[in-house]
Amino acid sequence: MKRRIQDFEGSDTWRVFRIMSEFVQGFEELQDVWPAVSIFGSARLQADSPYYSQAALAGRMLSERGFNVITGGGPGLMEAANHGAQLAGRGLSIGLNIELPNEQAPNQHLDISLHFRYFFARKVMFLKYAVGYVILPGGFGTLDELFECLTLQQTEKLTMIPIVLVGKQHYSGLFDWVRNELLATNMIEEEDLNLLHLVDDPAEAVEIIDRHFTATYGDCARAPAGAGEQRRNHNRPSGSHANHNRRS
């Protein structure tokens, strides 16, 4: 009997319930975080990288303007962006951590921290509440998230919002390849390139997103001043450890 139960728990039928639980928990935890901006970037770049300070600046400036900041919740550029958002104190700092073969621990600068086993459930949370995407330099994971955003906007599955690549030196080769290969062979349309913005200054990225949001929604929907700090005070236990990490 025990063997049969273990077999059932490992089956696709049983796995459906875990998948469902990740969606339910994500929707419950994040239902009030719009408007947010999702920031993607490498987990491997540390404080000695110039992109680290750019990530922190992007997180801080977005938070100052009333946007909640969502990252993958891990180290590197994700941690920098979350730290910047917390320093500003207006928007919430949110991390969507993923279970990996080499465990990725949540960084210490999160007001809301969720844990996912499934990439596709996590991607929904990145996209559902965002009014803009900031794509800092990164590897395969960052590129996967970039092209997910592009595909869903190109196919009109998502509202058209800014996708801003930060780092011309890093991304110009990719941008040229898209133009010279995909566009030149009619695999995409000229207008598809309008989905992308390529900048060097994170302040410019923030300005692009802010301008689009204001033109679309006005200023009334932004996070109120001090919202992030209020959430941290609410979550902070009486002891010395303040961890709002929730595992699904």
Foldseek 3Di string as FASTA:
>chain_A
DVVVVVVVCPDPVVVVVVLVVLLVVLCVVCVQQAAAEEEEAAQPADPVDPVLQLLLVLLQVCLLLQHAYEYQQFHDSLLSSLQSVVVNQQHFREHEHEQDPPGTDGDDRHLAAEYYDDPVSSLCSNAVRYQEYEQEYYPPVSVVSLVVVLVCVLVVVHDQHAYEYADCPRCVVVLVCCCVPCPVVVVDDPVSNVNYHYYHHSVVVSVRSVVVCCVPPNSPSGGDGNPRVVSQVVQQDPDDDRDNYDYD
